[in-house]
Amino acid sequence: MVKGFLSLRNAVFIEKNVSIEPESLSELIEMGYDSTPVTVIGQRQISGFDPELIDAALSEICTD
């Protein structure tokens, strides 16, 4: 859902698959999470699919 939502917003993103990328799983755990999705936009970390928070984060980085 997050990938589709970001695509609809024409946002460029990097997908990390914690199932097959051990370094991505380590990064997720270091951030304090143990489940996905976690979306990092600028300094924000958004756990789960939250369209309002994602839009707010995208608007913050687009105005900087």
N, C-alpha and C. Protein backbone atom coordinates (compact mmCIF):
# COMPACT_ATOMS: atom_id res chain seq x y z
N MET A 1 0.81 -1.19 0.00
CA MET A 1 0.00 0.00 0.00
C MET A 1 0.86 1.26 0.00
N VAL A 2 1.91 1.27 0.80
CA VAL A 2 2.76 2.45 0.88
C VAL A 2 3.41 2.72 -0.47
N LYS A 3 3.94 1.68 -1.12
CA LYS A 3 4.59 1.87 -2.41
C LYS A 3 3.63 2.45 -3.44
N GLY A 4 2.42 1.92 -3.48
CA GLY A 4 1.42 2.42 -4.42
C GLY A 4 1.06 3.87 -4.12
N PHE A 5 0.93 4.19 -2.84
CA PHE A 5 0.59 5.54 -2.43
C PHE A 5 1.69 6.52 -2.82
N LEU A 6 2.94 6.15 -2.57
CA LEU A 6 4.06 7.00 -2.94
C LEU A 6 4.15 7.17 -4.46
N SER A 7 3.86 6.11 -5.19
CA SER A 7 3.88 6.19 -6.65
C SER A 7 2.81 7.15 -7.16
N LEU A 8 1.63 7.10 -6.55
CA LEU A 8 0.56 8.04 -6.93
C LEU A 8 0.96 9.48 -6.68
N ARG A 9 1.83 9.70 -5.71
CA ARG A 9 2.32 11.04 -5.37
C ARG A 9 3.57 11.40 -6.17
N ASN A 10 3.97 10.53 -7.08
CA ASN A 10 5.19 10.72 -7.89
C ASN A 10 6.43 10.90 -7.01
N ALA A 11 6.44 10.25 -5.88
CA ALA A 11 7.59 10.32 -4.97
C ALA A 11 8.62 9.26 -5.35
N VAL A 12 9.86 9.65 -5.34
CA VAL A 12 10.95 8.71 -5.57
C VAL A 12 11.26 8.04 -4.24
N PHE A 13 11.39 6.71 -4.25
CA PHE A 13 11.64 6.01 -3.00
C PHE A 13 12.55 4.82 -3.22
N ILE A 14 13.14 4.37 -2.13
CA ILE A 14 13.99 3.18 -2.13
C ILE A 14 13.28 2.14 -1.29
N GLU A 15 13.05 0.99 -1.88
CA GLU A 15 12.40 -0.11 -1.16
C GLU A 15 13.49 -1.00 -0.56
N LYS A 16 13.32 -1.33 0.71
CA LYS A 16 14.23 -2.24 1.38
C LYS A 16 13.41 -3.43 1.87
N ASN A 17 13.86 -4.63 1.51
CA ASN A 17 13.14 -5.85 1.85
C ASN A 17 13.84 -6.56 3.00
N VAL A 18 13.25 -6.45 4.19
CA VAL A 18 13.88 -7.03 5.38
C VAL A 18 13.85 -8.55 5.36
N SER A 19 13.03 -9.13 4.50
CA SER A 19 12.96 -10.59 4.41
C SER A 19 14.18 -11.21 3.74
N ILE A 20 14.79 -10.45 2.83
CA ILE A 20 15.93 -11.00 2.08
C ILE A 20 17.20 -10.17 2.21
N GLU A 21 17.12 -9.03 2.91
CA GLU A 21 18.27 -8.16 3.07
C GLU A 21 18.60 -8.02 4.57
N PRO A 22 19.53 -8.82 5.07
CA PRO A 22 19.85 -8.78 6.50
C PRO A 22 20.25 -7.39 6.99
N GLU A 23 20.96 -6.63 6.14
CA GLU A 23 21.36 -5.28 6.56
C GLU A 23 20.15 -4.36 6.72
N SER A 24 19.12 -4.56 5.92
CA SER A 24 17.90 -3.77 6.05
C SER A 24 17.14 -4.14 7.33
N LEU A 25 17.14 -5.42 7.66
CA LEU A 25 16.51 -5.86 8.91
C LEU A 25 17.25 -5.25 10.11
N SER A 26 18.56 -5.25 10.07
CA SER A 26 19.35 -4.65 11.15
C SER A 26 19.04 -3.16 11.28
N GLU A 27 18.92 -2.48 10.15
CA GLU A 27 18.60 -1.05 10.15
C GLU A 27 17.23 -0.80 10.77
N LEU A 28 16.26 -1.64 10.42
CA LEU A 28 14.91 -1.53 10.98
C LEU A 28 14.93 -1.69 12.50
N ILE A 29 15.65 -2.69 12.97
CA ILE A 29 15.74 -2.95 14.41
C ILE A 29 16.46 -1.81 15.12
N GLU A 30 17.52 -1.27 14.51
CA GLU A 30 18.25 -0.14 15.09
C GLU A 30 17.36 1.09 15.24
N MET A 31 16.38 1.24 14.34
CA MET A 31 15.44 2.35 14.44
C MET A 31 14.38 2.12 15.52
N GLY A 32 14.35 0.89 16.07
CA GLY A 32 13.42 0.59 17.15
C GLY A 32 12.13 -0.07 16.69
N TYR A 33 12.12 -0.59 15.48
CA TYR A 33 10.92 -1.24 14.95
C TYR A 33 11.17 -2.73 14.78
N ASP A 34 10.07 -3.50 14.85
CA ASP A 34 10.19 -4.93 14.61
C ASP A 34 9.17 -5.43 13.59
N SER A 35 8.48 -4.49 12.93
CA SER A 35 7.53 -4.86 11.89
C SER A 35 7.54 -3.80 10.80
N THR A 36 7.02 -4.15 9.66
CA THR A 36 6.96 -3.25 8.52
C THR A 36 5.50 -2.99 8.15
N PRO A 37 5.21 -1.95 7.42
CA PRO A 37 6.15 -1.03 6.79
C PRO A 37 6.56 0.09 7.74
N VAL A 38 7.76 0.58 7.51
CA VAL A 38 8.24 1.80 8.15
C VAL A 38 8.72 2.68 7.00
N THR A 39 8.15 3.87 6.92
CA THR A 39 8.49 4.79 5.85
C THR A 39 9.30 5.93 6.46
N VAL A 40 10.47 6.18 5.89
CA VAL A 40 11.33 7.27 6.37
C VAL A 40 11.30 8.36 5.31
N ILE A 41 10.83 9.54 5.73
CA ILE A 41 10.77 10.70 4.84
C ILE A 41 11.42 11.85 5.60
N GLY A 42 12.55 12.30 5.09
CA GLY A 42 13.30 13.33 5.82
C GLY A 42 13.70 12.77 7.17
N GLN A 43 13.33 13.47 8.23
CA GLN A 43 13.65 13.02 9.59
C GLN A 43 12.50 12.20 10.21
N ARG A 44 11.40 12.09 9.50
CA ARG A 44 10.23 11.37 10.03
C ARG A 44 10.32 9.87 9.76
N GLN A 45 9.89 9.10 10.75
CA GLN A 45 9.74 7.66 10.61
C GLN A 45 8.26 7.36 10.85
N ILE A 46 7.62 6.79 9.84
CA ILE A 46 6.18 6.54 9.92
C ILE A 46 5.96 5.03 9.91
N SER A 47 5.40 4.52 10.99
CA SER A 47 5.14 3.09 11.12
C SER A 47 3.73 2.80 10.62
N GLY A 48 3.62 1.77 9.79
CA GLY A 48 2.32 1.42 9.23
C GLY A 48 1.98 2.30 8.04
N PHE A 49 0.77 2.15 7.55
CA PHE A 49 0.31 2.95 6.41
C PHE A 49 -0.59 4.05 6.93
N ASP A 50 -0.07 5.28 6.92
CA ASP A 50 -0.82 6.44 7.40
C ASP A 50 -0.73 7.54 6.34
N PRO A 51 -1.71 7.57 5.43
CA PRO A 51 -1.66 8.53 4.32
C PRO A 51 -1.51 9.99 4.76
N GLU A 52 -2.16 10.37 5.84
CA GLU A 52 -2.08 11.77 6.28
C GLU A 52 -0.66 12.11 6.74
N LEU A 53 -0.03 11.23 7.50
CA LEU A 53 1.34 11.48 7.93
C LEU A 53 2.33 11.46 6.76
N ILE A 54 2.11 10.56 5.83
CA ILE A 54 2.98 10.49 4.66
C ILE A 54 2.86 11.78 3.85
N ASP A 55 1.64 12.23 3.60
CA ASP A 55 1.44 13.48 2.85
C ASP A 55 2.09 14.66 3.57
N ALA A 56 1.93 14.72 4.90
CA ALA A 56 2.52 15.81 5.68
C ALA A 56 4.04 15.78 5.57
N ALA A 57 4.63 14.60 5.67
CA ALA A 57 6.10 14.48 5.57
C ALA A 57 6.57 14.86 4.18
N LEU A 58 5.86 14.43 3.15
CA LEU A 58 6.23 14.78 1.79
C LEU A 58 6.14 16.29 1.57
N SER A 59 5.12 16.91 2.10
CA SER A 59 4.98 18.36 1.92
C SER A 59 6.09 19.11 2.65
N GLU A 60 6.57 18.58 3.77
CA GLU A 60 7.67 19.21 4.50
C GLU A 60 8.96 19.21 3.70
N ILE A 61 9.26 18.09 3.05
CA ILE A 61 10.52 18.03 2.31
C ILE A 61 10.41 18.75 0.97
N CYS A 62 9.21 18.90 0.45
CA CYS A 62 9.05 19.60 -0.83
C CYS A 62 9.14 21.11 -0.68
N THR A 63 8.98 21.63 0.53
CA THR A 63 9.04 23.07 0.74
C THR A 63 10.39 23.51 1.23
N ASP A 64 11.27 22.55 1.56
CA ASP A 64 12.62 22.92 2.05
C ASP A 64 13.52 23.30 0.91
